[in-house]
C-alpha atoms as a PDB file:
ATOM      1  CA  MET A   1     -81.893   6.886  75.240  1.00  0.00           C
ATOM      2  CA  SER A   2     -78.786   7.081  73.084  1.00  0.00           C
ATOM      3  CA  GLN A   3     -75.316   7.143  74.524  1.00  0.00           C
ATOM      4  CA  GLU A   4     -72.947   9.919  73.595  1.00  0.00           C
ATOM      5  CA  ARG A   5     -69.681   9.137  71.861  1.00  0.00           C
ATOM      6  CA  LEU A   6     -66.515   9.541  73.901  1.00  0.00           C
ATOM      7  CA  LEU A   7     -63.507  10.717  71.936  1.00  0.00           C
ATOM      8  CA  ARG A   8     -59.825  10.216  72.616  1.00  0.00           C
ATOM      9  CA  PRO A   9     -57.798  13.387  73.197  1.00  0.00           C
ATOM     10  CA  ARG A  10     -55.832  12.667  70.003  1.00  0.00           C
ATOM     11  CA  GLU A  11     -59.056  12.678  67.950  1.00  0.00           C
ATOM     12  CA  VAL A  12     -60.220  15.879  69.626  1.00  0.00           C
ATOM     13  CA  ALA A  13     -56.885  17.592  68.995  1.00  0.00           C
ATOM     14  CA  ARG A  14     -57.085  16.720  65.318  1.00  0.00           C
ATOM     15  CA  GLN A  15     -60.676  17.991  65.012  1.00  0.00           C
ATOM     16  CA  LEU A  16     -59.949  21.248  66.831  1.00  0.00           C
ATOM     17  CA  ALA A  17     -56.508  21.757  65.225  1.00  0.00           C
ATOM     18  CA  VAL A  18     -54.755  22.056  68.611  1.00  0.00           C
ATOM     19  CA  SER A  19     -52.202  19.954  70.463  1.00  0.00           C
ATOM     20  CA  ARG A  20     -53.132  17.076  72.740  1.00  0.00           C
ATOM     21  CA  SER A  21     -51.732  19.009  75.683  1.00  0.00           C
ATOM     22  CA  THR A  22     -54.202  21.807  74.912  1.00  0.00           C
ATOM     23  CA  VAL A  23     -57.054  19.288  74.920  1.00  0.00           C
ATOM     24  CA  TYR A  24     -55.957  17.998  78.321  1.00  0.00           C
ATOM     25  CA  ARG A  25     -55.562  21.538  79.685  1.00  0.00           C
ATOM     26  CA  TRP A  26     -59.031  22.514  78.441  1.00  0.00           C
ATOM     27  CA  PHE A  27     -60.444  19.356  80.049  1.00  0.00           C
ATOM     28  CA  TRP A  28     -58.847  20.114  83.423  1.00  0.00           C
ATOM     29  CA  GLU A  29     -59.905  23.772  83.190  1.00  0.00           C
ATOM     30  CA  GLY A  30     -63.500  22.723  82.442  1.00  0.00           C
ATOM     31  CA  LYS A  31     -63.526  24.169  78.928  1.00  0.00           C
ATOM     32  CA  LEU A  32     -64.128  20.713  77.417  1.00  0.00           C
ATOM     33  CA  GLN A  33     -66.486  18.327  79.166  1.00  0.00           C
ATOM     34  CA  GLY A  34     -65.469  14.725  79.431  1.00  0.00           C
ATOM     35  CA  VAL A  35     -64.791  11.899  81.833  1.00  0.00           C
ATOM     36  CA  LYS A  36     -61.776  10.377  83.512  1.00  0.00           C
ATOM     37  CA  LEU A  37     -62.102   6.607  83.375  1.00  0.00           C
ATOM     38  CA  ASN A  38     -61.079   4.253  86.199  1.00  0.00           C
ATOM     39  CA  SER A  39     -57.948   3.408  84.238  1.00  0.00           C
ATOM     40  CA  GLY A  40     -56.929   7.071  84.439  1.00  0.00           C
ATOM     41  CA  THR A  41     -57.500   7.801  80.777  1.00  0.00           C
ATOM     42  CA  VAL A  42     -59.479  10.843  79.684  1.00  0.00           C
ATOM     43  CA  ARG A  43     -62.291  10.853  77.144  1.00  0.00           C
ATOM     44  CA  ILE A  44     -63.993  13.961  75.806  1.00  0.00           C
ATOM     45  CA  LEU A  45     -67.715  14.169  75.040  1.00  0.00           C
ATOM     46  CA  GLU A  46     -68.425  14.563  71.338  1.00  0.00           C
ATOM     47  CA  SER A  47     -71.014  17.262  72.109  1.00  0.00           C
ATOM     48  CA  ALA A  48     -68.329  19.310  73.902  1.00  0.00           C
ATOM     49  CA  VAL A  49     -66.158  19.167  70.781  1.00  0.00           C
ATOM     50  CA  LEU A  50     -69.067  20.252  68.584  1.00  0.00           C
ATOM     51  CA  ARG A  51     -69.763  23.185  70.926  1.00  0.00           C
ATOM     52  CA  LYS A  52     -66.104  24.209  70.819  1.00  0.00           C
ATOM     53  CA  LEU A  53     -66.135  24.083  67.020  1.00  0.00           C
ATOM     54  CA  ALA A  54     -69.284  26.226  66.946  1.00  0.00           C
ATOM     55  CA  GLU A  55     -67.593  28.816  69.223  1.00  0.00           C
ATOM     56  CA  GLY A  56     -64.790  29.172  66.716  1.00  0.00           C
ATOM     57  CA  ASP A  57     -62.099  29.118  69.435  1.00  0.00           C
END
């Protein structure tokens, strides 16, 4: 079983051509799947970013 890559919000923002605050908002709204680590930092699943790119949003 392979593990999925977790991306930093900055990387996601660059890939989706949006601001970091938009990435965080989409995460909290459930539009981008990811995880909140014990340290409080957020990471976004690479597959969620690929889905968002495919949607064209």
